[in-house]
Amino acid sequence: MARDEINAFLGSGTDYQGKLNFQGAVRIDGNFNGEVESEGTLVVGREAKVEGVLRVGQLVLSGRVTGEVYAAEKAVLHKTANLQGNLVTPTLVVEEGAVLEGRVTMSSSSSSATETETEEIS
C-alpha cells in the first residue's frame, strides 16, 4: 500500500527546472522542465506541462509531456494526455482521446531498443 502513496507534490502554479530523483510516487500538477529519474511512479496531472527526459518505473499521464520518456514497467495515458516525443515501455495503456505523437518502442527491457519493433504514431 505504501508504494501507491504520493511522496512529493508539485502543485499547480509551480514552475520547476532541474533534475528530480525520487523513490515511491511523485505527482506534478505545475510546470517542470528538466530530467526525472526514478524507479517509482510519476503522475502528471491534467493541468501539468512537463518537458525533458523522463526515466521512471511507471508513468501515469493526464497532462502534457514533451520529450523522451522511458517507463521501465508501464505507461498509462488517460484521455486528457498529450505526449509529444518518443516513448519506450514494455506496457502501454492508452485511453480514447489521448494524443500521442512520436515513436513508440515496446520491449521487455527499456534499455535494449535495438532489437524491438518500432511503430510510428501520427
PDB file of N, CA and C in Angstrom:
ATOM      1  N   MET A   1       0.818  -1.198   0.000  1.00  0.00           N
ATOM      2  CA  MET A   1       0.000   0.000   0.000  1.00  0.00           C
ATOM      3  C   MET A   1       0.864   1.266   0.000  1.00  0.00           C
ATOM      4  N   ALA A   2       1.991   1.224   0.720  1.00  0.00           N
ATOM      5  CA  ALA A   2       2.855   2.403   0.809  1.00  0.00           C
ATOM      6  C   ALA A   2       3.440   2.785  -0.542  1.00  0.00           C
ATOM      7  N   ARG A   3       3.533   1.824  -1.440  1.00  0.00           N
ATOM      8  CA  ARG A   3       4.093   2.101  -2.757  1.00  0.00           C
ATOM      9  C   ARG A   3       3.191   3.036  -3.561  1.00  0.00           C
ATOM     10  N   ASP A   4       1.888   3.040  -3.291  1.00  0.00           N
ATOM     11  CA  ASP A   4       0.937   3.859  -4.016  1.00  0.00           C
ATOM     12  C   ASP A   4       0.814   5.278  -3.459  1.00  0.00           C
ATOM     13  N   GLU A   5       1.384   5.545  -2.296  1.00  0.00           N
ATOM     14  CA  GLU A   5       1.269   6.853  -1.680  1.00  0.00           C
ATOM     15  C   GLU A   5       2.144   7.876  -2.403  1.00  0.00           C
ATOM     16  N   ILE A   6       1.627   9.108  -2.523  1.00  0.00           N
ATOM     17  CA  ILE A   6       2.371  10.194  -3.138  1.00  0.00           C
ATOM     18  C   ILE A   6       3.381  10.728  -2.124  1.00  0.00           C
ATOM     19  N   ASN A   7       4.675  10.710  -2.473  1.00  0.00           N
ATOM     20  CA  ASN A   7       5.728  11.187  -1.575  1.00  0.00           C
ATOM     21  C   ASN A   7       5.992  12.676  -1.712  1.00  0.00           C
ATOM     22  N   ALA A   8       5.775  13.221  -2.913  1.00  0.00           N
ATOM     23  CA  ALA A   8       6.006  14.641  -3.151  1.00  0.00           C
ATOM     24  C   ALA A   8       4.982  15.139  -4.156  1.00  0.00           C
ATOM     25  N   PHE A   9       4.730  16.455  -4.105  1.00  0.00           N
ATOM     26  CA  PHE A   9       3.679  17.039  -4.924  1.00  0.00           C
ATOM     27  C   PHE A   9       4.123  18.426  -5.376  1.00  0.00           C
ATOM     28  N   LEU A  10       4.199  18.636  -6.693  1.00  0.00           N
ATOM     29  CA  LEU A  10       4.463  19.965  -7.239  1.00  0.00           C
ATOM     30  C   LEU A  10       3.131  20.489  -7.741  1.00  0.00           C
ATOM     31  N   GLY A  11       2.509  21.387  -6.984  1.00  0.00           N
ATOM     32  CA  GLY A  11       1.156  21.844  -7.267  1.00  0.00           C
ATOM     33  C   GLY A  11       1.043  22.759  -8.464  1.00  0.00           C
ATOM     34  N   SER A  12      -0.209  23.007  -8.872  1.00  0.00           N
ATOM     35  CA  SER A  12      -0.446  23.910  -9.997  1.00  0.00           C
ATOM     36  C   SER A  12       0.063  25.295  -9.629  1.00  0.00           C
ATOM     37  N   GLY A  13       0.583  26.020 -10.605  1.00  0.00           N
ATOM     38  CA  GLY A  13       1.196  27.313 -10.353  1.00  0.00           C
ATOM     39  C   GLY A  13       2.672  27.216 -10.022  1.00  0.00           C
ATOM     40  N   THR A  14       3.186  25.988  -9.891  1.00  0.00           N
ATOM     41  CA  THR A  14       4.591  25.766  -9.586  1.00  0.00           C
ATOM     42  C   THR A  14       5.386  25.644 -10.879  1.00  0.00           C
ATOM     43  N   ASP A  15       6.512  26.349 -10.963  1.00  0.00           N
ATOM     44  CA  ASP A  15       7.439  26.217 -12.084  1.00  0.00           C
ATOM     45  C   ASP A  15       8.751  25.691 -11.528  1.00  0.00           C
ATOM     46  N   TYR A  16       9.228  24.575 -12.091  1.00  0.00           N
ATOM     47  CA  TYR A  16      10.452  23.965 -11.595  1.00  0.00           C
ATOM     48  C   TYR A  16      11.340  23.591 -12.768  1.00  0.00           C
ATOM     49  N   GLN A  17      12.647  23.870 -12.642  1.00  0.00           N
ATOM     50  CA  GLN A  17      13.628  23.475 -13.647  1.00  0.00           C
ATOM     51  C   GLN A  17      14.759  22.761 -12.938  1.00  0.00           C
ATOM     52  N   GLY A  18      15.209  21.656 -13.546  1.00  0.00           N
ATOM     53  CA  GLY A  18      16.326  20.945 -12.961  1.00  0.00           C
ATOM     54  C   GLY A  18      16.191  19.452 -13.078  1.00  0.00           C
ATOM     55  N   LYS A  19      16.719  18.746 -12.083  1.00  0.00           N
ATOM     56  CA  LYS A  19      16.715  17.287 -12.076  1.00  0.00           C
ATOM     57  C   LYS A  19      15.960  16.803 -10.847  1.00  0.00           C
ATOM     58  N   LEU A  20      15.064  15.852 -11.065  1.00  0.00           N
ATOM     59  CA  LEU A  20      14.244  15.301  -9.986  1.00  0.00           C
ATOM     60  C   LEU A  20      14.527  13.814  -9.853  1.00  0.00           C
ATOM     61  N   ASN A  21      14.996  13.403  -8.672  1.00  0.00           N
ATOM     62  CA  ASN A  21      15.189  11.987  -8.335  1.00  0.00           C
ATOM     63  C   ASN A  21      14.291  11.689  -7.152  1.00  0.00           C
ATOM     64  N   PHE A  22      13.614  10.549  -7.191  1.00  0.00           N
ATOM     65  CA  PHE A  22      12.723  10.217  -6.076  1.00  0.00           C
ATOM     66  C   PHE A  22      12.509   8.719  -5.968  1.00  0.00           C
ATOM     67  N   GLN A  23      11.969   8.310  -4.816  1.00  0.00           N
ATOM     68  CA  GLN A  23      11.522   6.946  -4.586  1.00  0.00           C
ATOM     69  C   GLN A  23      10.034   7.004  -4.333  1.00  0.00           C
ATOM     70  N   GLY A  24       9.332   5.943  -4.652  1.00  0.00           N
ATOM     71  CA  GLY A  24       7.892   5.916  -4.424  1.00  0.00           C
ATOM     72  C   GLY A  24       7.150   6.581  -5.565  1.00  0.00           C
ATOM     73  N   ALA A  25       6.291   7.551  -5.232  1.00  0.00           N
ATOM     74  CA  ALA A  25       5.479   8.225  -6.250  1.00  0.00           C
ATOM     75  C   ALA A  25       5.523   9.734  -6.063  1.00  0.00           C
ATOM     76  N   VAL A  26       5.556  10.450  -7.181  1.00  0.00           N
ATOM     77  CA  VAL A  26       5.539  11.913  -7.182  1.00  0.00           C
ATOM     78  C   VAL A  26       4.482  12.370  -8.165  1.00  0.00           C
ATOM     79  N   ARG A  27       3.744  13.414  -7.783  1.00  0.00           N
ATOM     80  CA  ARG A  27       2.727  13.989  -8.655  1.00  0.00           C
ATOM     81  C   ARG A  27       3.133  15.413  -9.029  1.00  0.00           C
ATOM     82  N   ILE A  28       3.046  15.717 -10.330  1.00  0.00           N
ATOM     83  CA  ILE A  28       3.322  17.061 -10.828  1.00  0.00           C
ATOM     84  C   ILE A  28       2.034  17.627 -11.405  1.00  0.00           C
ATOM     85  N   ASP A  29       1.614  18.787 -10.911  1.00  0.00           N
ATOM     86  CA  ASP A  29       0.448  19.483 -11.457  1.00  0.00           C
ATOM     87  C   ASP A  29       0.841  20.846 -12.021  1.00  0.00           C
ATOM     88  N   GLY A  30       2.092  21.219 -11.852  1.00  0.00           N
ATOM     89  CA  GLY A  30       2.584  22.501 -12.359  1.00  0.00           C
ATOM     90  C   GLY A  30       3.407  22.310 -13.616  1.00  0.00           C
ATOM     91  N   ASN A  31       4.409  23.187 -13.798  1.00  0.00           N
ATOM     92  CA  ASN A  31       5.302  23.127 -14.953  1.00  0.00           C
ATOM     93  C   ASN A  31       6.665  22.628 -14.504  1.00  0.00           C
ATOM     94  N   PHE A  32       7.209  21.663 -15.250  1.00  0.00           N
ATOM     95  CA  PHE A  32       8.511  21.088 -14.931  1.00  0.00           C
ATOM     96  C   PHE A  32       9.322  21.005 -16.211  1.00  0.00           C
ATOM     97  N   ASN A  33      10.587  21.442 -16.141  1.00  0.00           N
ATOM     98  CA  ASN A  33      11.478  21.371 -17.288  1.00  0.00           C
ATOM     99  C   ASN A  33      12.797  20.800 -16.812  1.00  0.00           C
ATOM    100  N   GLY A  34      13.178  19.632 -17.342  1.00  0.00           N
ATOM    101  CA  GLY A  34      14.444  19.031 -16.934  1.00  0.00           C
ATOM    102  C   GLY A  34      14.431  17.526 -17.049  1.00  0.00           C
ATOM    103  N   GLU A  35      15.098  16.870 -16.088  1.00  0.00           N
ATOM    104  CA  GLU A  35      15.219  15.416 -16.079  1.00  0.00           C
ATOM    105  C   GLU A  35      14.534  14.840 -14.851  1.00  0.00           C
ATOM    106  N   VAL A  36      13.871  13.714 -15.055  1.00  0.00           N
ATOM    107  CA  VAL A  36      13.277  12.966 -13.950  1.00  0.00           C
ATOM    108  C   VAL A  36      13.842  11.560 -14.000  1.00  0.00           C
ATOM    109  N   GLU A  37      14.324  11.084 -12.860  1.00  0.00           N
ATOM    110  CA  GLU A  37      14.885   9.740 -12.798  1.00  0.00           C
ATOM    111  C   GLU A  37      14.406   9.045 -11.541  1.00  0.00           C
ATOM    112  N   SER A  38      13.743   7.891 -11.726  1.00  0.00           N
ATOM    113  CA  SER A  38      13.222   7.146 -10.591  1.00  0.00           C
ATOM    114  C   SER A  38      12.770   5.759 -11.023  1.00  0.00           C
ATOM    115  N   GLU A  39      12.793   4.825 -10.098  1.00  0.00           N
ATOM    116  CA  GLU A  39      12.199   3.513 -10.331  1.00  0.00           C
ATOM    117  C   GLU A  39      10.731   3.527  -9.913  1.00  0.00           C
ATOM    118  N   GLY A  40      10.282   4.635  -9.376  1.00  0.00           N
ATOM    119  CA  GLY A  40       8.918   4.763  -8.882  1.00  0.00           C
ATOM    120  C   GLY A  40       7.939   5.239  -9.941  1.00  0.00           C
ATOM    121  N   THR A  41       6.835   5.813  -9.468  1.00  0.00           N
ATOM    122  CA  THR A  41       5.746   6.246 -10.331  1.00  0.00           C
ATOM    123  C   THR A  41       5.699   7.762 -10.417  1.00  0.00           C
ATOM    124  N   LEU A  42       5.632   8.270 -11.643  1.00  0.00           N
ATOM    125  CA  LEU A  42       5.447   9.700 -11.876  1.00  0.00           C
ATOM    126  C   LEU A  42       4.026   9.909 -12.369  1.00  0.00           C
ATOM    127  N   VAL A  43       3.270  10.740 -11.644  1.00  0.00           N
ATOM    128  CA  VAL A  43       1.910  11.085 -12.024  1.00  0.00           C
ATOM    129  C   VAL A  43       1.931  12.523 -12.525  1.00  0.00           C
ATOM    130  N   VAL A  44       1.512  12.716 -13.774  1.00  0.00           N
ATOM    131  CA  VAL A  44       1.460  14.044 -14.372  1.00  0.00           C
ATOM    132  C   VAL A  44      -0.010  14.430 -14.477  1.00  0.00           C
ATOM    133  N   GLY A  45      -0.407  15.427 -13.678  1.00  0.00           N
ATOM    134  CA  GLY A  45      -1.797  15.849 -13.602  1.00  0.00           C
ATOM    135  C   GLY A  45      -2.305  16.530 -14.861  1.00  0.00           C
ATOM    136  N   ARG A  46      -3.603  16.716 -14.931  1.00  0.00           N
ATOM    137  CA  ARG A  46      -4.289  17.248 -16.110  1.00  0.00           C
ATOM    138  C   ARG A  46      -3.766  18.601 -16.568  1.00  0.00           C
ATOM    139  N   GLU A  47      -3.453  19.499 -15.644  1.00  0.00           N
ATOM    140  CA  GLU A  47      -3.002  20.853 -15.990  1.00  0.00           C
ATOM    141  C   GLU A  47      -1.480  20.971 -16.110  1.00  0.00           C
ATOM    142  N   ALA A  48      -0.772  19.881 -15.866  1.00  0.00           N
ATOM    143  CA  ALA A  48       0.691  19.909 -15.836  1.00  0.00           C
ATOM    144  C   ALA A  48       1.291  19.958 -17.234  1.00  0.00           C
ATOM    145  N   LYS A  49       2.474  20.603 -17.309  1.00  0.00           N
ATOM    146  CA  LYS A  49       3.266  20.641 -18.529  1.00  0.00           C
ATOM    147  C   LYS A  49       4.685  20.251 -18.144  1.00  0.00           C
ATOM    148  N   VAL A  50       5.141  19.125 -18.692  1.00  0.00           N
ATOM    149  CA  VAL A  50       6.465  18.591 -18.373  1.00  0.00           C
ATOM    150  C   VAL A  50       7.262  18.501 -19.668  1.00  0.00           C
ATOM    151  N   GLU A  51       8.507  18.988 -19.612  1.00  0.00           N
ATOM    152  CA  GLU A  51       9.371  18.946 -20.783  1.00  0.00           C
ATOM    153  C   GLU A  51      10.731  18.423 -20.358  1.00  0.00           C
ATOM    154  N   GLY A  52      11.248  17.438 -21.104  1.00  0.00           N
ATOM    155  CA  GLY A  52      12.568  16.914 -20.795  1.00  0.00           C
ATOM    156  C   GLY A  52      12.671  15.426 -21.010  1.00  0.00           C
ATOM    157  N   VAL A  53      13.568  14.796 -20.248  1.00  0.00           N
ATOM    158  CA  VAL A  53      13.803  13.362 -20.330  1.00  0.00           C
ATOM    159  C   VAL A  53      13.300  12.726 -19.042  1.00  0.00           C
ATOM    160  N   LEU A  54      12.398  11.759 -19.193  1.00  0.00           N
ATOM    161  CA  LEU A  54      11.810  11.079 -18.044  1.00  0.00           C
ATOM    162  C   LEU A  54      12.228   9.614 -18.063  1.00  0.00           C
ATOM    163  N   ARG A  55      12.879   9.166 -16.989  1.00  0.00           N
ATOM    164  CA  ARG A  55      13.228   7.757 -16.818  1.00  0.00           C
ATOM    165  C   ARG A  55      12.598   7.311 -15.518  1.00  0.00           C
ATOM    166  N   VAL A  56      11.463   6.608 -15.631  1.00  0.00           N
ATOM    167  CA  VAL A  56      10.690   6.235 -14.454  1.00  0.00           C
ATOM    168  C   VAL A  56      10.264   4.772 -14.533  1.00  0.00           C
ATOM    169  N   GLY A  57       9.806   4.254 -13.405  1.00  0.00           N
ATOM    170  CA  GLY A  57       9.250   2.904 -13.390  1.00  0.00           C
ATOM    171  C   GLY A  57       7.906   2.884 -14.091  1.00  0.00           C
ATOM    172  N   GLN A  58       7.018   3.810 -13.674  1.00  0.00           N
ATOM    173  CA  GLN A  58       5.699   3.926 -14.281  1.00  0.00           C
ATOM    174  C   GLN A  58       5.381   5.393 -14.516  1.00  0.00           C
ATOM    175  N   LEU A  59       4.683   5.646 -15.617  1.00  0.00           N
ATOM    176  CA  LEU A  59       4.194   6.985 -15.916  1.00  0.00           C
ATOM    177  C   LEU A  59       2.687   6.926 -15.998  1.00  0.00           C
ATOM    178  N   VAL A  60       2.022   7.818 -15.257  1.00  0.00           N
ATOM    179  CA  VAL A  60       0.571   7.979 -15.346  1.00  0.00           C
ATOM    180  C   VAL A  60       0.354   9.406 -15.819  1.00  0.00           C
ATOM    181  N   LEU A  61      -0.092   9.555 -17.069  1.00  0.00           N
ATOM    182  CA  LEU A  61      -0.142  10.860 -17.715  1.00  0.00           C
ATOM    183  C   LEU A  61      -1.571  11.305 -17.982  1.00  0.00           C
ATOM    184  N   SER A  62      -1.908  12.479 -17.442  1.00  0.00           N
ATOM    185  CA  SER A  62      -3.186  13.127 -17.746  1.00  0.00           C
ATOM    186  C   SER A  62      -2.957  14.485 -18.386  1.00  0.00           C
ATOM    187  N   GLY A  63      -1.753  15.040 -18.246  1.00  0.00           N
ATOM    188  CA  GLY A  63      -1.412  16.357 -18.774  1.00  0.00           C
ATOM    189  C   GLY A  63      -0.576  16.260 -20.029  1.00  0.00           C
ATOM    190  N   ARG A  64       0.394  17.171 -20.151  1.00  0.00           N
ATOM    191  CA  ARG A  64       1.211  17.272 -21.367  1.00  0.00           C
ATOM    192  C   ARG A  64       2.679  16.980 -21.056  1.00  0.00           C
ATOM    193  N   VAL A  65       3.283  16.106 -21.857  1.00  0.00           N
ATOM    194  CA  VAL A  65       4.715  15.811 -21.766  1.00  0.00           C
ATOM    195  C   VAL A  65       5.320  15.982 -23.147  1.00  0.00           C
ATOM    196  N   THR A  66       6.440  16.718 -23.193  1.00  0.00           N
ATOM    197  CA  THR A  66       7.197  16.890 -24.428  1.00  0.00           C
ATOM    198  C   THR A  66       8.613  16.417 -24.159  1.00  0.00           C
ATOM    199  N   GLY A  67       9.074  15.416 -24.919  1.00  0.00           N
ATOM    200  CA  GLY A  67      10.433  14.929 -24.739  1.00  0.00           C
ATOM    201  C   GLY A  67      10.540  13.432 -24.865  1.00  0.00           C
ATOM    202  N   GLU A  68      11.522  12.873 -24.183  1.00  0.00           N
ATOM    203  CA  GLU A  68      11.800  11.442 -24.214  1.00  0.00           C
ATOM    204  C   GLU A  68      11.289  10.808 -22.928  1.00  0.00           C
ATOM    205  N   VAL A  69      10.550   9.698 -23.073  1.00  0.00           N
ATOM    206  CA  VAL A  69      10.012   9.001 -21.904  1.00  0.00           C
ATOM    207  C   VAL A  69      10.450   7.540 -21.939  1.00  0.00           C
ATOM    208  N   TYR A  70      11.066   7.093 -20.842  1.00  0.00           N
ATOM    209  CA  TYR A  70      11.450   5.709 -20.658  1.00  0.00           C
ATOM    210  C   TYR A  70      10.732   5.205 -19.406  1.00  0.00           C
ATOM    211  N   ALA A  71       9.698   4.394 -19.589  1.00  0.00           N
ATOM    212  CA  ALA A  71       8.934   3.842 -18.473  1.00  0.00           C
ATOM    213  C   ALA A  71       9.257   2.356 -18.385  1.00  0.00           C
ATOM    214  N   ALA A  72      10.027   1.952 -17.393  1.00  0.00           N
ATOM    215  CA  ALA A  72      10.544   0.590 -17.288  1.00  0.00           C
ATOM    216  C   ALA A  72       9.440  -0.458 -17.122  1.00  0.00           C
ATOM    217  N   GLU A  73       8.323  -0.095 -16.470  1.00  0.00           N
ATOM    218  CA  GLU A  73       7.257  -1.062 -16.218  1.00  0.00           C
ATOM    219  C   GLU A  73       6.023  -0.811 -17.075  1.00  0.00           C
ATOM    220  N   LYS A  74       5.523   0.454 -17.055  1.00  0.00           N
ATOM    221  CA  LYS A  74       4.265   0.723 -17.740  1.00  0.00           C
ATOM    222  C   LYS A  74       4.063   2.216 -17.920  1.00  0.00           C
ATOM    223  N   ALA A  75       3.361   2.576 -19.006  1.00  0.00           N
ATOM    224  CA  ALA A  75       2.928   3.950 -19.239  1.00  0.00           C
ATOM    225  C   ALA A  75       1.419   3.932 -19.457  1.00  0.00           C
ATOM    226  N   VAL A  76       0.723   4.808 -18.732  1.00  0.00           N
ATOM    227  CA  VAL A  76      -0.732   4.926 -18.852  1.00  0.00           C
ATOM    228  C   VAL A  76      -1.042   6.342 -19.306  1.00  0.00           C
ATOM    229  N   LEU A  77      -1.725   6.459 -20.447  1.00  0.00           N
ATOM    230  CA  LEU A  77      -2.126   7.757 -20.985  1.00  0.00           C
ATOM    231  C   LEU A  77      -3.637   7.884 -20.866  1.00  0.00           C
ATOM    232  N   HIS A  78      -4.074   8.752 -19.968  1.00  0.00           N
ATOM    233  CA  HIS A  78      -5.512   8.977 -19.785  1.00  0.00           C
ATOM    234  C   HIS A  78      -6.054   9.828 -20.929  1.00  0.00           C
ATOM    235  N   LYS A  79      -7.347   9.994 -21.006  1.00  0.00           N
ATOM    236  CA  LYS A  79      -7.976  10.651 -22.158  1.00  0.00           C
ATOM    237  C   LYS A  79      -7.546  12.093 -22.357  1.00  0.00           C
ATOM    238  N   THR A  80      -7.074  12.763 -21.325  1.00  0.00           N
ATOM    239  CA  THR A  80      -6.619  14.153 -21.452  1.00  0.00           C
ATOM    240  C   THR A  80      -5.116  14.258 -21.701  1.00  0.00           C
ATOM    241  N   ALA A  81      -4.438  13.123 -21.834  1.00  0.00           N
ATOM    242  CA  ALA A  81      -2.975  13.099 -22.003  1.00  0.00           C
ATOM    243  C   ALA A  81      -2.564  13.597 -23.378  1.00  0.00           C
ATOM    244  N   ASN A  82      -1.385  14.247 -23.409  1.00  0.00           N
ATOM    245  CA  ASN A  82      -0.790  14.694 -24.656  1.00  0.00           C
ATOM    246  C   ASN A  82       0.707  14.440 -24.545  1.00  0.00           C
ATOM    247  N   LEU A  83       1.205  13.470 -25.305  1.00  0.00           N
ATOM    248  CA  LEU A  83       2.622  13.124 -25.288  1.00  0.00           C
ATOM    249  C   LEU A  83       3.213  13.425 -26.655  1.00  0.00           C
ATOM    250  N   GLN A  84       4.177  14.345 -26.677  1.00  0.00           N
ATOM    251  CA  GLN A  84       4.891  14.731 -27.892  1.00  0.00           C
ATOM    252  C   GLN A  84       6.328  14.275 -27.720  1.00  0.00           C
ATOM    253  N   GLY A  85       6.704  13.197 -28.391  1.00  0.00           N
ATOM    254  CA  GLY A  85       8.068  12.706 -28.267  1.00  0.00           C
ATOM    255  C   GLY A  85       8.118  11.204 -28.324  1.00  0.00           C
ATOM    256  N   ASN A  86       9.238  10.645 -27.955  1.00  0.00           N
ATOM    257  CA  ASN A  86       9.447   9.208 -28.040  1.00  0.00           C
ATOM    258  C   ASN A  86       9.167   8.543 -26.707  1.00  0.00           C
ATOM    259  N   LEU A  87       8.575   7.345 -26.792  1.00  0.00           N
ATOM    260  CA  LEU A  87       8.200   6.579 -25.609  1.00  0.00           C
ATOM    261  C   LEU A  87       8.759   5.173 -25.737  1.00  0.00           C
ATOM    262  N   VAL A  88       9.465   4.720 -24.684  1.00  0.00           N
ATOM    263  CA  VAL A  88       9.968   3.353 -24.610  1.00  0.00           C
ATOM    264  C   VAL A  88       9.374   2.728 -23.358  1.00  0.00           C
ATOM    265  N   THR A  89       8.608   1.642 -23.524  1.00  0.00           N
ATOM    266  CA  THR A  89       7.973   0.978 -22.393  1.00  0.00           C
ATOM    267  C   THR A  89       7.543  -0.433 -22.802  1.00  0.00           C
ATOM    268  N   PRO A  90       7.520  -1.383 -21.872  1.00  0.00           N
ATOM    269  CA  PRO A  90       7.034  -2.715 -22.228  1.00  0.00           C
ATOM    270  C   PRO A  90       5.505  -2.805 -22.274  1.00  0.00           C
ATOM    271  N   THR A  91       4.815  -1.947 -21.522  1.00  0.00           N
ATOM    272  CA  THR A  91       3.358  -1.987 -21.446  1.00  0.00           C
ATOM    273  C   THR A  91       2.806  -0.585 -21.627  1.00  0.00           C
ATOM    274  N   LEU A  92       1.844  -0.449 -22.550  1.00  0.00           N
ATOM    275  CA  LEU A  92       1.250   0.851 -22.844  1.00  0.00           C
ATOM    276  C   LEU A  92      -0.264   0.753 -22.790  1.00  0.00           C
ATOM    277  N   VAL A  93      -0.876   1.650 -22.005  1.00  0.00           N
ATOM    278  CA  VAL A  93      -2.331   1.735 -21.906  1.00  0.00           C
ATOM    279  C   VAL A  93      -2.720   3.137 -22.374  1.00  0.00           C
ATOM    280  N   VAL A  94      -3.574   3.211 -23.407  1.00  0.00           N
ATOM    281  CA  VAL A  94      -3.980   4.499 -23.954  1.00  0.00           C
ATOM    282  C   VAL A  94      -5.498   4.581 -23.975  1.00  0.00           C
ATOM    283  N   GLU A  95      -6.053   5.562 -23.264  1.00  0.00           N
ATOM    284  CA  GLU A  95      -7.499   5.784 -23.290  1.00  0.00           C
ATOM    285  C   GLU A  95      -7.882   6.543 -24.549  1.00  0.00           C
ATOM    286  N   GLU A  96      -9.099   6.334 -25.002  1.00  0.00           N
ATOM    287  CA  GLU A  96      -9.608   7.055 -26.156  1.00  0.00           C
ATOM    288  C   GLU A  96      -9.595   8.550 -25.861  1.00  0.00           C
ATOM    289  N   GLY A  97      -9.050   9.321 -26.792  1.00  0.00           N
ATOM    290  CA  GLY A  97      -8.936  10.770 -26.623  1.00  0.00           C
ATOM    291  C   GLY A  97      -7.528  11.229 -26.335  1.00  0.00           C
ATOM    292  N   ALA A  98      -6.670  10.338 -25.872  1.00  0.00           N
ATOM    293  CA  ALA A  98      -5.271  10.702 -25.611  1.00  0.00           C
ATOM    294  C   ALA A  98      -4.559  10.990 -26.928  1.00  0.00           C
ATOM    295  N   VAL A  99      -3.590  11.920 -26.884  1.00  0.00           N
ATOM    296  CA  VAL A  99      -2.811  12.272 -28.066  1.00  0.00           C
ATOM    297  C   VAL A  99      -1.385  11.786 -27.856  1.00  0.00           C
ATOM    298  N   LEU A 100      -0.879  11.053 -28.842  1.00  0.00           N
ATOM    299  CA  LEU A 100       0.481  10.530 -28.790  1.00  0.00           C
ATOM    300  C   LEU A 100       1.118  10.761 -30.143  1.00  0.00           C
ATOM    301  N   GLU A 101       2.103  11.667 -30.182  1.00  0.00           N
ATOM    302  CA  GLU A 101       2.807  11.966 -31.423  1.00  0.00           C
ATOM    303  C   GLU A 101       4.281  11.714 -31.217  1.00  0.00           C
ATOM    304  N   GLY A 102       4.801  10.720 -31.941  1.00  0.00           N
ATOM    305  CA  GLY A 102       6.199  10.362 -31.812  1.00  0.00           C
ATOM    306  C   GLY A 102       6.390   8.894 -32.088  1.00  0.00           C
ATOM    307  N   ARG A 103       7.493   8.370 -31.598  1.00  0.00           N
ATOM    308  CA  ARG A 103       7.823   6.969 -31.820  1.00  0.00           C
ATOM    309  C   ARG A 103       7.591   6.189 -30.529  1.00  0.00           C
ATOM    310  N   VAL A 104       6.968   5.023 -30.658  1.00  0.00           N
ATOM    311  CA  VAL A 104       6.744   4.148 -29.522  1.00  0.00           C
ATOM    312  C   VAL A 104       7.559   2.883 -29.724  1.00  0.00           C
ATOM    313  N   THR A 105       8.354   2.531 -28.733  1.00  0.00           N
ATOM    314  CA  THR A 105       9.117   1.293 -28.758  1.00  0.00           C
ATOM    315  C   THR A 105       8.680   0.462 -27.570  1.00  0.00           C
ATOM    316  N   MET A 106       8.187  -0.736 -27.861  1.00  0.00           N
ATOM    317  CA  MET A 106       7.735  -1.618 -26.784  1.00  0.00           C
ATOM    318  C   MET A 106       8.661  -2.815 -26.713  1.00  0.00           C
ATOM    319  N   SER A 107       9.256  -3.001 -25.545  1.00  0.00           N
ATOM    320  CA  SER A 107      10.149  -4.128 -25.328  1.00  0.00           C
ATOM    321  C   SER A 107      10.093  -4.522 -23.865  1.00  0.00           C
ATOM    322  N   SER A 108      10.579  -5.719 -23.568  1.00  0.00           N
ATOM    323  CA  SER A 108      10.586  -6.174 -22.179  1.00  0.00           C
ATOM    324  C   SER A 108      11.668  -5.487 -21.371  1.00  0.00           C
ATOM    325  N   SER A 109      12.643  -4.883 -22.069  1.00  0.00           N
ATOM    326  CA  SER A 109      13.710  -4.147 -21.391  1.00  0.00           C
ATOM    327  C   SER A 109      13.844  -2.790 -22.058  1.00  0.00           C
ATOM    328  N   SER A 110      13.640  -1.714 -21.316  1.00  0.00           N
ATOM    329  CA  SER A 110      13.694  -0.377 -21.900  1.00  0.00           C
ATOM    330  C   SER A 110      15.095   0.005 -22.356  1.00  0.00           C
ATOM    331  N   SER A 111      16.108  -0.735 -21.938  1.00  0.00           N
ATOM    332  CA  SER A 111      17.471  -0.399 -22.339  1.00  0.00           C
ATOM    333  C   SER A 111      17.878  -1.052 -23.654  1.00  0.00           C
ATOM    334  N   SER A 112      17.164  -2.108 -24.083  1.00  0.00           N
ATOM    335  CA  SER A 112      17.540  -2.784 -25.330  1.00  0.00           C
ATOM    336  C   SER A 112      16.535  -2.453 -26.419  1.00  0.00           C
ATOM    337  N   ALA A 113      16.666  -1.274 -26.979  1.00  0.00           N
ATOM    338  CA  ALA A 113      15.734  -0.821 -28.004  1.00  0.00           C
ATOM    339  C   ALA A 113      16.194  -1.202 -29.407  1.00  0.00           C
ATOM    340  N   THR A 114      17.341  -1.838 -29.540  1.00  0.00           N
ATOM    341  CA  THR A 114      17.866  -2.133 -30.868  1.00  0.00           C
ATOM    342  C   THR A 114      17.161  -3.307 -31.531  1.00  0.00           C
ATOM    343  N   GLU A 115      16.656  -4.253 -30.754  1.00  0.00           N
ATOM    344  CA  GLU A 115      16.044  -5.443 -31.344  1.00  0.00           C
ATOM    345  C   GLU A 115      14.541  -5.463 -31.144  1.00  0.00           C
ATOM    346  N   THR A 116      13.911  -4.311 -30.974  1.00  0.00           N
ATOM    347  CA  THR A 116      12.484  -4.283 -30.747  1.00  0.00           C
ATOM    348  C   THR A 116      11.763  -3.716 -31.950  1.00  0.00           C
ATOM    349  N   GLU A 117      10.475  -3.961 -31.977  1.00  0.00           N
ATOM    350  CA  GLU A 117       9.661  -3.411 -33.055  1.00  0.00           C
ATOM    351  C   GLU A 117       9.348  -1.955 -32.731  1.00  0.00           C
ATOM    352  N   THR A 118       9.378  -1.135 -33.756  1.00  0.00           N
ATOM    353  CA  THR A 118       9.112   0.274 -33.597  1.00  0.00           C
ATOM    354  C   THR A 118       7.952   0.650 -34.495  1.00  0.00           C
ATOM    355  N   GLU A 119       7.031   1.457 -33.967  1.00  0.00           N
ATOM    356  CA  GLU A 119       5.865   1.851 -34.728  1.00  0.00           C
ATOM    357  C   GLU A 119       5.759   3.364 -34.697  1.00  0.00           C
ATOM    358  N   GLU A 120       5.584   3.977 -35.853  1.00  0.00           N
ATOM    359  CA  GLU A 120       5.392   5.411 -35.937  1.00  0.00           C
ATOM    360  C   GLU A 120       3.929   5.726 -35.686  1.00  0.00           C
ATOM    361  N   ILE A 121       3.652   6.636 -34.791  1.00  0.00           N
ATOM    362  CA  ILE A 121       2.310   7.062 -34.456  1.00  0.00           C
ATOM    363  C   ILE A 121       2.145   8.507 -34.935  1.00  0.00           C
ATOM    364  N   SER A 122       1.102   8.780 -35.659  1.00  0.00           N
ATOM    365  CA  SER A 122       0.860  10.178 -36.043  1.00  0.00           C
ATOM    366  C   SER A 122      -0.608  10.455 -36.153  1.00  0.00           C
TER     367      SER A 122
END
